[in-house]
């Protein structure tokens, strides 16, 4: 009889959330750095624009870049505490132990969900005493 919710499922969801948080953090961190590199290009584009219309287009690109950078930076901040927490050695060890625990828990739940049979022990003991 398998339940919809199990300790293994809850642990798996937690570990997946930690992994997803780390991936999102790294993606956003890299994107912030990319937007920072684009900044100089956009400033030079504005500086050397041949006319007002080109300068306005460059300014619009700059504005969009800064807004994207802000979104990525917010993603970094949202995930930073969790990622930094699990980067510490002792906490990384706990995370690894939790992954091991997940494997053990899955095995136990699979065993409990499987079809089990009982092998009587008393009849064997009685046979042994009689002989």
N, C-alpha and C. Protein backbone atom coordinates (compact mmCIF):
# COMPACT_ATOMS: atom_id res chain seq x y z
N UNK A 1 0.85 -1.18 0.00
CA UNK A 1 0.00 0.00 0.00
C UNK A 1 0.89 1.24 0.00
N UNK A 2 0.99 1.88 -1.13
CA UNK A 2 1.88 3.04 -1.26
C UNK A 2 1.10 4.32 -1.03
N UNK A 3 1.65 5.14 -0.18
CA UNK A 3 0.99 6.41 0.10
C UNK A 3 1.47 7.44 -0.91
N UNK A 4 0.65 8.47 -1.10
CA UNK A 4 1.00 9.54 -2.03
C UNK A 4 2.21 10.31 -1.52
N UNK A 5 2.25 10.53 -0.22
CA UNK A 5 3.35 11.27 0.39
C UNK A 5 4.16 10.31 1.24
N UNK A 6 5.47 10.41 1.13
CA UNK A 6 6.33 9.53 1.92
C UNK A 6 7.55 10.33 2.37
N UNK A 7 8.24 9.84 3.38
CA UNK A 7 9.46 10.53 3.81
C UNK A 7 10.48 10.64 2.68
N UNK A 8 10.60 9.60 1.86
CA UNK A 8 11.55 9.65 0.74
C UNK A 8 11.17 10.74 -0.25
N UNK A 9 9.88 10.86 -0.52
CA UNK A 9 9.40 11.89 -1.47
C UNK A 9 9.70 13.29 -0.93
N UNK A 10 9.44 13.49 0.36
CA UNK A 10 9.69 14.80 0.96
C UNK A 10 11.18 15.12 0.95
N UNK A 11 12.00 14.15 1.26
CA UNK A 11 13.46 14.35 1.25
C UNK A 11 13.95 14.63 -0.16
N UNK A 12 13.42 13.89 -1.12
CA UNK A 12 13.80 14.09 -2.51
C UNK A 12 13.42 15.50 -2.98
N UNK A 13 12.24 15.96 -2.61
CA UNK A 13 11.81 17.31 -2.99
C UNK A 13 12.73 18.37 -2.38
N UNK A 14 13.12 18.17 -1.14
CA UNK A 14 14.04 19.11 -0.49
C UNK A 14 15.38 19.13 -1.22
N UNK A 15 15.95 17.96 -1.49
CA UNK A 15 17.25 17.90 -2.18
C UNK A 15 17.15 18.48 -3.58
N UNK A 16 16.04 18.25 -4.27
CA UNK A 16 15.85 18.83 -5.60
C UNK A 16 15.76 20.35 -5.52
N UNK A 17 15.10 20.86 -4.48
CA UNK A 17 14.99 22.31 -4.30
C UNK A 17 16.36 22.93 -4.04
N UNK A 18 17.20 22.26 -3.27
CA UNK A 18 18.55 22.76 -3.00
C UNK A 18 19.34 22.79 -4.30
N UNK A 19 19.25 21.73 -5.08
CA UNK A 19 19.97 21.66 -6.36
C UNK A 19 19.47 22.73 -7.33
N UNK A 20 18.16 22.90 -7.42
CA UNK A 20 17.59 23.91 -8.31
C UNK A 20 18.00 25.31 -7.88
N UNK A 21 18.04 25.53 -6.59
CA UNK A 21 18.44 26.83 -6.07
C UNK A 21 19.88 27.13 -6.46
N UNK A 22 20.74 26.14 -6.33
CA UNK A 22 22.16 26.33 -6.70
C UNK A 22 22.30 26.61 -8.19
N UNK A 23 21.55 25.90 -9.02
CA UNK A 23 21.61 26.11 -10.46
C UNK A 23 21.10 27.50 -10.84
N UNK A 24 19.99 27.90 -10.24
CA UNK A 24 19.43 29.22 -10.53
C UNK A 24 20.39 30.31 -10.09
N UNK A 25 21.00 30.12 -8.93
CA UNK A 25 21.98 31.08 -8.41
C UNK A 25 23.14 31.23 -9.39
N UNK A 26 23.69 30.11 -9.85
CA UNK A 26 24.84 30.16 -10.76
C UNK A 26 24.48 30.82 -12.09
N UNK A 27 23.30 30.47 -12.61
CA UNK A 27 22.83 31.07 -13.86
C UNK A 27 22.70 32.58 -13.72
N UNK A 28 22.04 33.01 -12.65
CA UNK A 28 21.80 34.45 -12.45
C UNK A 28 23.11 35.18 -12.18
N UNK A 29 24.00 34.57 -11.42
CA UNK A 29 25.30 35.17 -11.11
C UNK A 29 26.08 35.42 -12.41
N UNK A 30 26.10 34.42 -13.28
CA UNK A 30 26.78 34.56 -14.56
C UNK A 30 26.11 35.63 -15.43
N UNK A 31 24.79 35.69 -15.39
CA UNK A 31 24.05 36.68 -16.19
C UNK A 31 24.32 38.10 -15.70
N UNK A 32 24.45 38.29 -14.39
CA UNK A 32 24.78 39.62 -13.85
C UNK A 32 26.15 40.04 -14.38
N UNK A 33 27.10 39.13 -14.35
CA UNK A 33 28.43 39.45 -14.86
C UNK A 33 28.41 39.76 -16.35
N UNK A 34 27.58 39.05 -17.09
CA UNK A 34 27.46 39.31 -18.53
C UNK A 34 26.87 40.71 -18.78
N UNK A 35 25.85 41.06 -18.02
CA UNK A 35 25.26 42.40 -18.16
C UNK A 35 26.26 43.49 -17.77
N UNK A 36 27.10 43.21 -16.77
CA UNK A 36 28.14 44.17 -16.39
C UNK A 36 29.13 44.39 -17.54
N UNK A 37 29.46 43.30 -18.24
CA UNK A 37 30.39 43.44 -19.38
C UNK A 37 29.75 44.21 -20.53
N UNK A 38 28.45 44.04 -20.71
CA UNK A 38 27.73 44.75 -21.78
C UNK A 38 27.63 46.25 -21.50
N UNK A 39 27.70 46.61 -20.24
CA UNK A 39 27.55 48.02 -19.86
C UNK A 39 28.53 48.92 -20.61
N UNK A 40 29.80 48.55 -20.62
CA UNK A 40 30.79 49.38 -21.30
C UNK A 40 30.52 49.50 -22.79
N UNK A 41 30.10 48.41 -23.40
CA UNK A 41 29.77 48.45 -24.84
C UNK A 41 28.63 49.43 -25.10
N UNK A 42 27.61 49.36 -24.26
CA UNK A 42 26.46 50.24 -24.45
C UNK A 42 26.82 51.71 -24.19
N UNK A 43 27.65 51.96 -23.21
CA UNK A 43 28.08 53.34 -22.95
C UNK A 43 28.89 53.89 -24.12
N UNK A 44 29.76 53.07 -24.67
CA UNK A 44 30.53 53.52 -25.83
C UNK A 44 29.63 53.72 -27.05
N UNK A 45 28.65 52.84 -27.18
CA UNK A 45 27.69 52.98 -28.28
C UNK A 45 26.95 54.31 -28.18
N UNK A 46 26.58 54.69 -26.97
CA UNK A 46 25.92 55.99 -26.77
C UNK A 46 26.88 57.14 -27.05
N UNK A 47 28.10 56.99 -26.56
CA UNK A 47 29.09 58.06 -26.72
C UNK A 47 29.38 58.34 -28.19
N UNK A 48 29.47 57.31 -28.99
CA UNK A 48 29.87 57.49 -30.39
C UNK A 48 28.68 57.43 -31.36
N UNK A 49 27.47 57.55 -30.84
CA UNK A 49 26.29 57.55 -31.71
C UNK A 49 26.34 58.76 -32.64
N UNK A 50 26.10 58.54 -33.92
CA UNK A 50 26.21 59.64 -34.88
C UNK A 50 25.08 60.67 -34.78
N UNK A 51 23.95 60.27 -34.21
CA UNK A 51 22.84 61.21 -34.10
C UNK A 51 21.98 60.89 -32.88
N UNK A 52 21.01 61.74 -32.66
CA UNK A 52 20.15 61.62 -31.48
C UNK A 52 19.33 60.31 -31.49
N UNK A 53 18.86 59.92 -32.65
CA UNK A 53 18.04 58.71 -32.75
C UNK A 53 18.86 57.47 -32.36
N UNK A 54 20.09 57.39 -32.84
CA UNK A 54 20.96 56.26 -32.48
C UNK A 54 21.29 56.29 -31.00
N UNK A 55 21.52 57.47 -30.47
CA UNK A 55 21.82 57.61 -29.04
C UNK A 55 20.62 57.17 -28.21
N UNK A 56 19.41 57.52 -28.66
CA UNK A 56 18.20 57.09 -27.96
C UNK A 56 18.02 55.57 -28.00
N UNK A 57 18.33 54.96 -29.16
CA UNK A 57 18.25 53.49 -29.26
C UNK A 57 19.25 52.85 -28.30
N UNK A 58 20.44 53.40 -28.21
CA UNK A 58 21.46 52.88 -27.30
C UNK A 58 21.02 53.06 -25.84
N UNK A 59 20.41 54.20 -25.56
CA UNK A 59 19.94 54.46 -24.19
C UNK A 59 18.83 53.47 -23.83
N UNK A 60 17.97 53.15 -24.78
CA UNK A 60 16.91 52.17 -24.52
C UNK A 60 17.52 50.79 -24.25
N UNK A 61 18.53 50.40 -25.04
CA UNK A 61 19.23 49.13 -24.80
C UNK A 61 19.88 49.12 -23.42
N UNK A 62 20.45 50.25 -23.04
CA UNK A 62 21.08 50.36 -21.72
C UNK A 62 20.03 50.18 -20.62
N UNK A 63 18.91 50.83 -20.79
CA UNK A 63 17.84 50.72 -19.80
C UNK A 63 17.36 49.26 -19.68
N UNK A 64 17.18 48.60 -20.80
CA UNK A 64 16.75 47.19 -20.78
C UNK A 64 17.80 46.30 -20.13
N UNK A 65 19.05 46.58 -20.42
CA UNK A 65 20.14 45.80 -19.83
C UNK A 65 20.16 45.96 -18.31
N UNK A 66 19.99 47.18 -17.85
CA UNK A 66 19.99 47.43 -16.39
C UNK A 66 18.81 46.75 -15.71
N UNK A 67 17.68 46.72 -16.38
CA UNK A 67 16.50 46.05 -15.80
C UNK A 67 16.72 44.54 -15.73
N UNK A 68 17.30 43.97 -16.81
CA UNK A 68 17.62 42.53 -16.78
C UNK A 68 18.62 42.23 -15.68
N UNK A 69 19.62 43.10 -15.56
CA UNK A 69 20.64 42.91 -14.52
C UNK A 69 19.99 42.90 -13.14
N UNK A 70 19.05 43.81 -12.92
CA UNK A 70 18.36 43.88 -11.63
C UNK A 70 17.59 42.59 -11.36
N UNK A 71 16.91 42.05 -12.37
CA UNK A 71 16.18 40.79 -12.19
C UNK A 71 17.13 39.66 -11.83
N UNK A 72 18.26 39.58 -12.55
CA UNK A 72 19.23 38.53 -12.25
C UNK A 72 19.84 38.72 -10.86
N UNK A 73 20.10 39.95 -10.52
CA UNK A 73 20.69 40.22 -9.20
C UNK A 73 19.72 39.82 -8.09
N UNK A 74 18.42 40.06 -8.29
CA UNK A 74 17.42 39.64 -7.32
C UNK A 74 17.39 38.12 -7.20
N UNK A 75 17.55 37.40 -8.32
CA UNK A 75 17.61 35.94 -8.28
C UNK A 75 18.82 35.48 -7.48
N UNK A 76 19.94 36.16 -7.67
CA UNK A 76 21.15 35.82 -6.91
C UNK A 76 20.88 36.00 -5.43
N UNK A 77 20.33 37.14 -5.05
CA UNK A 77 20.06 37.43 -3.64
C UNK A 77 19.07 36.44 -3.04
N UNK A 78 18.07 36.05 -3.81
CA UNK A 78 17.05 35.12 -3.33
C UNK A 78 17.67 33.76 -2.97
N UNK A 79 18.66 33.32 -3.72
CA UNK A 79 19.25 32.00 -3.53
C UNK A 79 20.57 31.99 -2.77
N UNK A 80 21.15 33.16 -2.57
CA UNK A 80 22.51 33.25 -2.04
C UNK A 80 22.68 32.61 -0.66
N UNK A 81 21.79 32.86 0.26
CA UNK A 81 21.93 32.34 1.63
C UNK A 81 21.95 30.81 1.63
N UNK A 82 21.02 30.21 0.90
CA UNK A 82 20.95 28.76 0.85
C UNK A 82 22.20 28.17 0.19
N UNK A 83 22.61 28.74 -0.92
CA UNK A 83 23.79 28.24 -1.63
C UNK A 83 25.04 28.37 -0.76
N UNK A 84 25.23 29.52 -0.16
CA UNK A 84 26.40 29.73 0.70
C UNK A 84 26.38 28.80 1.90
N UNK A 85 25.19 28.54 2.45
CA UNK A 85 25.06 27.64 3.59
C UNK A 85 25.59 26.25 3.24
N UNK A 86 25.18 25.73 2.08
CA UNK A 86 25.60 24.39 1.70
C UNK A 86 26.98 24.35 1.06
N UNK A 87 27.62 25.49 0.86
CA UNK A 87 29.00 25.50 0.40
C UNK A 87 29.97 25.29 1.56
N UNK A 88 29.52 25.55 2.79
CA UNK A 88 30.37 25.31 3.96
C UNK A 88 30.59 23.81 4.10
N UNK A 89 31.80 23.43 4.48
CA UNK A 89 32.20 22.02 4.52
C UNK A 89 31.25 21.16 5.37
N UNK A 90 30.97 21.58 6.58
CA UNK A 90 30.13 20.75 7.46
C UNK A 90 28.72 20.60 6.91
N UNK A 91 28.21 21.64 6.29
CA UNK A 91 26.86 21.57 5.73
C UNK A 91 26.83 20.78 4.43
N UNK A 92 27.91 20.83 3.67
CA UNK A 92 28.01 20.02 2.45
C UNK A 92 28.01 18.54 2.82
N UNK A 93 28.68 18.22 3.94
CA UNK A 93 28.69 16.83 4.42
C UNK A 93 27.28 16.39 4.82
N UNK A 94 26.55 17.26 5.47
CA UNK A 94 25.17 16.93 5.84
C UNK A 94 24.33 16.69 4.59
N UNK A 95 24.51 17.52 3.58
CA UNK A 95 23.76 17.35 2.34
C UNK A 95 24.09 16.00 1.70
N UNK A 96 25.36 15.62 1.70
CA UNK A 96 25.75 14.32 1.14
C UNK A 96 25.14 13.17 1.96
N UNK A 97 25.12 13.32 3.27
CA UNK A 97 24.52 12.29 4.13
C UNK A 97 23.02 12.20 3.89
N UNK A 98 22.39 13.32 3.61
CA UNK A 98 20.96 13.32 3.31
C UNK A 98 20.69 12.59 1.99
N UNK A 99 21.60 12.72 1.02
CA UNK A 99 21.46 12.00 -0.24
C UNK A 99 21.57 10.49 0.00
N UNK A 100 22.51 10.11 0.86
CA UNK A 100 22.64 8.70 1.21
C UNK A 100 21.39 8.21 1.93
N UNK A 101 20.89 9.01 2.83
CA UNK A 101 19.66 8.68 3.56
C UNK A 101 18.50 8.48 2.60
N UNK A 102 18.43 9.30 1.57
CA UNK A 102 17.35 9.18 0.58
C UNK A 102 17.41 7.79 -0.07
N UNK A 103 18.58 7.35 -0.44
CA UNK A 103 18.72 6.01 -1.03
C UNK A 103 18.27 4.92 -0.08
N UNK A 104 18.68 5.03 1.17
CA UNK A 104 18.29 4.04 2.17
C UNK A 104 16.78 4.06 2.41
N UNK A 105 16.23 5.26 2.47
CA UNK A 105 14.78 5.40 2.71
C UNK A 105 13.99 4.82 1.54
N UNK A 106 14.44 5.06 0.33
CA UNK A 106 13.76 4.50 -0.84
C UNK A 106 13.74 2.97 -0.78
N UNK A 107 14.91 2.39 -0.45
CA UNK A 107 14.98 0.93 -0.35
C UNK A 107 14.01 0.41 0.69
N UNK A 108 13.95 1.06 1.84
CA UNK A 108 13.05 0.63 2.91
C UNK A 108 11.59 0.74 2.46
N UNK A 109 11.24 1.83 1.80
CA UNK A 109 9.87 2.01 1.34
C UNK A 109 9.52 1.01 0.25
N UNK A 110 10.48 0.69 -0.62
CA UNK A 110 10.23 -0.32 -1.64
C UNK A 110 9.97 -1.68 -0.99
N UNK A 111 10.76 -2.00 0.03
CA UNK A 111 10.56 -3.25 0.75
C UNK A 111 9.18 -3.29 1.39
N UNK A 112 8.80 -2.20 2.03
CA UNK A 112 7.50 -2.16 2.70
C UNK A 112 6.34 -2.23 1.70
N UNK A 113 6.54 -1.73 0.50
CA UNK A 113 5.50 -1.73 -0.52
C UNK A 113 5.45 -3.06 -1.28
N UNK A 114 6.49 -3.87 -1.16
CA UNK A 114 6.53 -5.14 -1.89
C UNK A 114 5.64 -6.18 -1.23
N UNK A 115 5.42 -7.25 -1.96
CA UNK A 115 4.62 -8.33 -1.42
C UNK A 115 5.51 -9.18 -0.52
N UNK A 116 5.15 -9.23 0.73
CA UNK A 116 5.97 -9.97 1.69
C UNK A 116 5.22 -11.21 2.15
N UNK A 117 5.97 -12.22 2.48
CA UNK A 117 5.37 -13.45 2.99
C UNK A 117 6.02 -13.77 4.33
N UNK A 118 5.26 -14.47 5.14
CA UNK A 118 5.76 -14.86 6.46
C UNK A 118 6.19 -16.32 6.40
N UNK A 119 7.35 -16.58 6.92
CA UNK A 119 7.85 -17.95 6.99
C UNK A 119 7.79 -18.36 8.45
N UNK A 120 6.91 -19.29 8.78
CA UNK A 120 6.75 -19.71 10.19
C UNK A 120 8.05 -20.27 10.74
N UNK A 121 8.37 -19.88 11.93
CA UNK A 121 9.60 -20.33 12.58
C UNK A 121 9.32 -21.43 13.60
N UNK A 122 8.16 -21.40 14.18
CA UNK A 122 7.83 -22.36 15.23
C UNK A 122 7.75 -23.77 14.69
N UNK A 123 7.20 -23.96 13.49
CA UNK A 123 7.10 -25.31 12.96
C UNK A 123 8.49 -25.89 12.73
N UNK A 124 9.45 -25.06 12.32
CA UNK A 124 10.82 -25.52 12.14
C UNK A 124 11.43 -25.87 13.49
N UNK A 125 11.16 -25.08 14.50
CA UNK A 125 11.69 -25.35 15.84
C UNK A 125 11.08 -26.61 16.41
N UNK A 126 9.80 -26.83 16.16
CA UNK A 126 9.13 -28.04 16.65
C UNK A 126 9.71 -29.27 15.98
N UNK A 127 9.96 -29.17 14.70
CA UNK A 127 10.56 -30.29 13.98
C UNK A 127 11.95 -30.58 14.53
N UNK A 128 12.67 -29.57 14.85
CA UNK A 128 14.03 -29.74 15.36
C UNK A 128 14.02 -30.42 16.73
N UNK A 129 13.08 -30.01 17.60
CA UNK A 129 12.97 -30.60 18.95
C UNK A 129 12.55 -32.07 18.88
N UNK A 130 11.69 -32.39 17.93
CA UNK A 130 11.20 -33.76 17.82
C UNK A 130 12.27 -34.70 17.35
N UNK A 131 13.23 -34.22 16.62
CA UNK A 131 14.24 -35.13 16.11
C UNK A 131 15.37 -35.39 17.06
